[in-house]
Protein backbone atom coordinates (compact mmCIF):
# COMPACT_ATOMS: atom_id res chain seq x y z
CA UNK A 1 -167.81 153.78 -191.87
CA UNK A 2 -168.25 152.07 -195.22
CA UNK A 3 -168.45 155.08 -197.55
CA UNK A 4 -168.48 158.85 -197.05
CA UNK A 5 -169.09 161.49 -199.70
CA UNK A 6 -167.03 164.58 -200.48
CA UNK A 7 -169.40 167.45 -201.33
CA UNK A 8 -168.68 171.04 -202.44
CA UNK A 9 -170.20 172.22 -199.17
CA UNK A 10 -167.53 170.24 -197.29
CA UNK A 11 -164.94 172.70 -198.59
CA UNK A 12 -167.02 175.60 -197.27
CA UNK A 13 -167.12 173.87 -193.90
CA UNK A 14 -163.34 173.40 -193.91
CA UNK A 15 -162.64 176.95 -195.06
CA UNK A 16 -165.02 178.52 -192.56
CA UNK A 17 -167.51 179.95 -195.06
CA UNK A 18 -170.38 177.49 -194.55
CA UNK A 19 -173.61 178.57 -192.87
CA UNK A 20 -173.01 176.44 -189.76
CA UNK A 21 -169.52 175.64 -188.50
CA UNK A 22 -168.35 172.98 -186.07
CA UNK A 23 -166.41 173.67 -182.90
CA UNK A 24 -162.75 172.94 -183.50
CA UNK A 25 -161.07 170.51 -183.47
CA UNK A 26 -163.62 168.84 -185.73
CA UNK A 27 -164.04 165.95 -188.15
CA UNK A 28 -164.95 166.83 -191.73
CA UNK A 29 -167.64 165.40 -193.96
CA UNK A 30 -171.41 165.69 -193.93
CA UNK A 31 -172.75 162.46 -195.42
CA UNK A 32 -171.75 158.84 -194.97
CA UNK A 33 -173.05 155.31 -194.57
CA UNK A 34 -171.85 152.96 -191.83
CA UNK A 35 -172.42 149.42 -190.62
CA UNK A 36 -173.52 148.82 -187.04
CA UNK A 37 -170.91 146.68 -185.28
CA UNK A 38 -172.27 146.77 -181.72
CA UNK A 39 -175.44 147.94 -179.94
CA UNK A 40 -176.05 148.75 -176.31
CA UNK A 41 -178.78 147.48 -174.02
CA UNK A 42 -182.29 148.68 -174.81
CA UNK A 43 -181.64 149.40 -178.49
CA UNK A 44 -184.52 147.86 -180.39
CA UNK A 45 -184.60 149.39 -183.87
CA UNK A 46 -180.99 148.61 -184.85
CA UNK A 47 -179.04 145.37 -185.07
CA UNK A 48 -175.46 144.43 -185.79
CA UNK A 49 -174.97 144.47 -189.56
CA UNK A 50 -177.57 147.17 -190.28
CA UNK A 51 -176.57 150.01 -192.61
CA UNK A 52 -177.16 153.45 -191.14
CA UNK A 53 -176.64 157.07 -192.09
CA UNK A 54 -173.85 158.55 -190.03
CA UNK A 55 -174.77 161.59 -187.92
CA UNK A 56 -173.71 164.71 -189.78
CA UNK A 57 -172.93 166.83 -186.72
CA UNK A 58 -170.15 164.44 -185.62
CA UNK A 59 -168.41 164.40 -189.01
CA UNK A 60 -168.21 161.33 -191.22
CA UNK A 61 -164.63 161.28 -192.54
CA UNK A 62 -163.62 158.79 -189.85
CA UNK A 63 -163.17 155.04 -189.52
CA UNK A 64 -165.75 154.56 -186.76
CA UNK A 65 -167.72 156.27 -184.02
CA UNK A 66 -169.86 155.59 -180.98
CA UNK A 67 -173.09 157.55 -180.70
CA UNK A 68 -176.68 157.41 -179.50
CA UNK A 69 -178.89 155.02 -181.46
CA UNK A 70 -181.38 157.87 -181.91
CA UNK A 71 -178.77 159.71 -184.03
CA UNK A 72 -178.80 156.95 -186.64
CA UNK A 73 -181.20 156.45 -189.53
CA UNK A 74 -181.52 152.85 -190.71
CA UNK A 75 -181.02 152.53 -194.48
CA UNK A 76 -182.32 149.88 -196.91
CA UNK A 77 -180.16 146.87 -197.72
CA UNK A 78 -181.01 146.76 -201.42
CA UNK A 79 -178.82 149.74 -202.40
CA UNK A 80 -175.00 149.73 -202.60
CA UNK A 81 -172.84 151.73 -200.22
CA UNK A 82 -171.81 154.25 -202.87
CA UNK A 83 -175.46 155.13 -203.43
CA UNK A 84 -176.43 155.16 -199.76
CA UNK A 85 -173.56 157.57 -199.10
CA UNK A 86 -175.02 160.10 -201.58
CA UNK A 87 -178.73 160.24 -200.70
CA UNK A 88 -178.96 162.86 -197.96
CA UNK A 89 -177.75 166.09 -199.59
CA UNK A 90 -178.06 166.31 -203.37
CA UNK A 91 -181.24 164.35 -204.26
CA UNK A 92 -183.45 166.07 -201.65
CA UNK A 93 -181.99 169.44 -202.66
CA UNK A 94 -183.01 168.80 -206.27
CA UNK A 95 -186.52 167.79 -205.22
CA UNK A 96 -187.05 170.90 -203.11
CA UNK A 97 -185.53 173.29 -205.64
CA UNK A 98 -188.15 172.17 -208.15
CA UNK A 99 -191.05 172.36 -205.67
CA UNK A 100 -190.50 175.20 -203.23
CA UNK A 101 -190.29 178.23 -205.51
CA UNK A 102 -192.24 177.90 -208.78
CA UNK A 103 -195.30 175.70 -209.53
CA UNK A 104 -193.85 173.91 -212.52
CA UNK A 105 -196.08 172.32 -215.16
CA UNK A 106 -195.34 170.11 -218.17
CA UNK A 107 -193.67 172.05 -220.94
CA UNK A 108 -192.04 174.61 -218.64
CA UNK A 109 -188.30 175.23 -218.87
CA UNK A 110 -185.75 175.19 -216.05
CA UNK A 111 -182.29 176.69 -216.62
CA UNK A 112 -179.31 175.70 -214.48
CA UNK A 113 -175.55 176.05 -214.35
CA UNK A 114 -173.30 173.21 -213.17
CA UNK A 115 -175.58 170.87 -215.08
CA UNK A 116 -173.09 168.03 -214.72
CA UNK A 117 -173.05 168.24 -210.92
CA UNK A 118 -174.90 165.76 -208.73
CA UNK A 119 -177.75 168.20 -208.14
CA UNK A 120 -177.79 169.17 -211.81
CA UNK A 121 -178.15 165.56 -212.92
CA UNK A 122 -180.88 164.94 -210.35
CA UNK A 123 -182.75 168.03 -211.59
CA UNK A 124 -182.58 166.75 -215.17
CA UNK A 125 -183.91 163.32 -214.14
CA UNK A 126 -186.75 164.76 -212.07
CA UNK A 127 -187.75 167.25 -214.76
CA UNK A 128 -187.82 164.52 -217.37
CA UNK A 129 -190.22 162.51 -215.19
CA UNK A 130 -192.44 165.60 -214.79
CA UNK A 131 -192.48 166.61 -218.46
CA UNK A 132 -190.48 169.75 -217.60
CA UNK A 133 -187.64 170.74 -219.94
CA UNK A 134 -184.12 171.62 -218.90
CA UNK A 135 -181.42 173.93 -220.25
CA UNK A 136 -178.08 173.20 -218.61
CA UNK A 137 -174.80 175.10 -218.77
CA UNK A 138 -171.53 173.15 -218.61
CA UNK A 139 -167.85 173.88 -219.18
CA UNK A 140 -166.82 170.85 -221.25
CA UNK A 141 -168.21 169.47 -224.55
CA UNK A 142 -167.96 165.89 -223.29
CA UNK A 143 -170.13 166.82 -220.31
CA UNK A 144 -172.72 168.18 -222.72
CA UNK A 145 -172.82 164.88 -224.58
CA UNK A 146 -173.23 162.97 -221.33
CA UNK A 147 -176.16 165.14 -220.19
CA UNK A 148 -177.96 164.91 -223.51
CA UNK A 149 -177.64 161.13 -223.33
CA UNK A 150 -179.01 161.29 -219.77
CA UNK A 151 -182.15 163.13 -220.85
CA UNK A 152 -181.29 166.83 -220.86
CA UNK A 153 -183.32 168.79 -223.41
CA UNK A 154 -180.64 171.39 -224.19
CA UNK A 155 -177.04 171.90 -223.07
CA UNK A 156 -174.85 174.94 -223.69
CA UNK A 157 -171.07 174.83 -223.32
CA UNK A 158 -169.73 178.00 -221.67
CA UNK A 159 -166.07 178.82 -222.13
CA UNK A 160 -164.29 181.28 -219.81
CA UNK A 161 -164.72 184.89 -220.87
CA UNK A 162 -167.35 184.10 -223.50
CA UNK A 163 -171.05 184.96 -223.58
CA UNK A 164 -172.93 181.99 -225.01
CA UNK A 165 -175.49 182.39 -227.74
CA UNK A 166 -178.68 180.89 -226.35
CA UNK A 167 -180.65 181.16 -229.59
CA UNK A 168 -184.24 179.97 -229.09
CA UNK A 169 -183.55 179.18 -225.42
CA UNK A 170 -183.13 182.81 -224.39
CA UNK A 171 -185.83 184.18 -222.13
CA UNK A 172 -188.00 181.08 -221.76
CA UNK A 173 -187.17 179.46 -218.38
CA UNK A 174 -189.56 180.08 -215.47
CA UNK A 175 -187.01 178.83 -212.93
CA UNK A 176 -183.26 179.36 -212.85
CA UNK A 177 -180.90 177.43 -210.57
CA UNK A 178 -177.46 178.75 -209.65
CA UNK A 179 -174.76 176.86 -207.77
CA UNK A 180 -171.71 178.48 -209.37
CA UNK A 181 -171.87 182.23 -208.72
CA UNK A 182 -169.89 185.03 -210.30
CA UNK A 183 -170.62 185.98 -213.90
CA UNK A 184 -171.95 182.49 -214.54
CA UNK A 185 -175.24 183.54 -213.01
CA UNK A 186 -175.74 185.97 -215.89
CA UNK A 187 -176.00 183.05 -218.32
CA UNK A 188 -178.81 181.56 -216.24
CA UNK A 189 -180.69 184.86 -216.05
CA UNK A 190 -180.36 185.32 -219.82
CA UNK A 191 -182.28 182.07 -220.21
CA UNK A 192 -185.07 183.22 -217.87
CA UNK A 193 -188.44 184.67 -218.85
CA UNK A 194 -189.85 187.89 -217.34
CA UNK A 195 -191.07 187.24 -213.82
CA UNK A 196 -188.94 184.10 -213.43
CA UNK A 197 -187.40 183.09 -210.13
CA UNK A 198 -183.65 182.46 -209.86
CA UNK A 199 -182.53 180.39 -206.87
CA UNK A 200 -178.94 180.33 -205.63
CA UNK A 201 -177.97 177.31 -203.53
CA UNK A 202 -174.20 177.19 -203.99
CA UNK A 203 -171.15 179.23 -204.93
CA UNK A 204 -168.57 176.91 -206.45
CA UNK A 205 -166.36 179.71 -207.80
CA UNK A 206 -166.36 181.68 -204.58
CA UNK A 207 -166.98 184.84 -206.61
CA UNK A 208 -169.65 187.37 -205.74
CA UNK A 209 -172.92 186.97 -207.64
CA UNK A 210 -173.55 189.53 -210.37
CA UNK A 211 -177.19 190.57 -210.67
CA UNK A 212 -178.36 191.83 -214.08
CA UNK A 213 -179.78 195.21 -213.02
CA UNK A 214 -181.71 195.79 -216.22
CA UNK A 215 -183.42 192.39 -216.04
CA UNK A 216 -184.15 192.91 -212.37
CA UNK A 217 -185.92 196.20 -213.07
CA UNK A 218 -187.63 195.70 -216.41
CA UNK A 219 -188.33 191.96 -216.30
CA UNK A 220 -189.00 191.70 -212.55
CA UNK A 221 -186.76 188.71 -211.98
CA UNK A 222 -186.95 187.30 -208.45
CA UNK A 223 -183.75 186.21 -206.70
CA UNK A 224 -183.99 183.71 -203.84
CA UNK A 225 -181.67 181.55 -201.80
CA UNK A 226 -181.97 177.92 -200.70
CA UNK A 227 -180.16 175.94 -197.98
CA UNK A 228 -181.22 172.37 -197.26
CA UNK A 229 -180.14 172.65 -193.62
CA UNK A 230 -182.48 175.60 -193.08
CA UNK A 231 -185.37 173.71 -194.71
CA UNK A 232 -184.79 170.81 -192.31
CA UNK A 233 -184.82 173.13 -189.32
CA UNK A 234 -188.16 174.62 -190.42
CA UNK A 235 -189.85 171.23 -190.80
CA UNK A 236 -190.66 168.51 -188.31
CA UNK A 237 -189.49 164.92 -188.24
CA UNK A 238 -192.56 163.77 -190.17
CA UNK A 239 -191.84 166.10 -193.10
CA UNK A 240 -188.15 165.22 -193.10
CA UNK A 241 -189.00 161.52 -193.06
CA UNK A 242 -191.43 161.96 -195.96
CA UNK A 243 -188.73 163.70 -197.99
CA UNK A 244 -186.32 160.88 -197.20
CA UNK A 245 -188.86 158.29 -198.37
CA UNK A 246 -189.46 160.14 -201.62
CA UNK A 247 -185.74 160.08 -202.33
CA UNK A 248 -185.66 156.32 -201.73
CA UNK A 249 -188.73 155.85 -203.94
CA UNK A 250 -187.03 157.73 -206.78
CA UNK A 251 -183.99 155.50 -206.37
CA UNK A 252 -186.21 152.43 -206.57
CA UNK A 253 -188.07 153.58 -209.69
CA UNK A 254 -184.87 154.54 -211.51
CA UNK A 255 -185.41 158.29 -211.57
CA UNK A 256 -182.14 159.00 -209.78
CA UNK A 257 -178.93 157.78 -211.36
CA UNK A 258 -175.60 157.79 -209.53
CA UNK A 259 -172.50 157.79 -211.75
CA UNK A 260 -169.53 155.74 -210.55
CA UNK A 261 -167.39 157.47 -207.96
CA UNK A 262 -163.66 157.64 -207.42
CA UNK A 263 -162.87 155.90 -204.14
CA UNK A 264 -160.07 156.71 -201.72
CA UNK A 265 -159.12 155.36 -198.29
CA UNK A 266 -158.99 157.98 -195.55
CA UNK A 267 -155.19 157.76 -195.56
CA UNK A 268 -155.23 159.29 -199.07
CA UNK A 269 -157.28 162.30 -197.99
CA UNK A 270 -155.10 164.81 -199.84
CA UNK A 271 -155.55 163.02 -203.16
CA UNK A 272 -159.27 162.62 -202.53
CA UNK A 273 -159.82 166.32 -201.82
CA UNK A 274 -157.70 167.29 -204.81
CA UNK A 275 -159.79 165.02 -207.05
CA UNK A 276 -163.01 166.45 -205.64
CA UNK A 277 -161.87 169.95 -206.60
CA UNK A 278 -161.22 168.93 -210.20
CA UNK A 279 -164.11 169.56 -212.62
CA UNK A 280 -163.24 166.37 -214.49
CA UNK A 281 -163.16 163.97 -211.56
CA UNK A 282 -166.84 163.25 -210.97
CA UNK A 283 -168.04 162.18 -207.52
CA UNK A 284 -165.51 161.26 -204.84
CA UNK A 285 -165.98 158.92 -201.87
CA UNK A 286 -163.89 157.93 -198.91
CA UNK A 287 -164.09 154.20 -198.22
CA UNK A 288 -162.95 152.13 -195.29
CA UNK A 289 -160.92 149.08 -196.42
CA UNK A 290 -161.42 147.51 -192.99
CA UNK A 291 -165.22 147.52 -193.31
């Protein structure tokens, strides 16, 4: 292993609330990049020194593993480890969230909470390339400044217990994206137009989602759910490979940006997980000093 990401969904896996759990005892982590150190007889598509995506089902928070060559996806050499370790979950989720639910066109608005998350930043970048506008909710003023500099069209800072004034941004989004849950979803729905679709793909707070009954009835809002794992199960290897290639293409053309990550060796797992739970930490990676 060279680098392995710590995602919010990893905590759901550890706590037993994720959609698919591993048989215990299990290794944590869903996404990592490794270097091939040895290959068996008859392996033709991989060589020693190749970078590969580690198989999710075996867990990636580990120093090394032995597995079937067919479990490994060869990755390009022109991207650094800390990017390769963050390609499989968040960027494809952002792509599909913008394509699977509402036919967006230039000038449309998308509203999202957790705008400073990895998916939130990818959504902003993709929307900017499509001519679609974004309204993002964040908790910290400095995060708002960062997102505006990164291309967000509007950012609203939400403080605990307060209802933000959306001004001209109220009721204009055709797509709402929710990865926080709880009352925070109400801010997203307030930004949505009648008939809009609101998609939940995460629950960072762990709180139950609150649906705005009046908006549901009188404005016919549509509430949907999205899980990348389920999308992959519904699609064949060709479709999954095409999605993978599109992510790599967006990395090559500069659409996706990956902010620097905090890096921890596996021996400092407690500090790494604590940092990943902090809203101020940014992305967190495990790295293998021996690699």
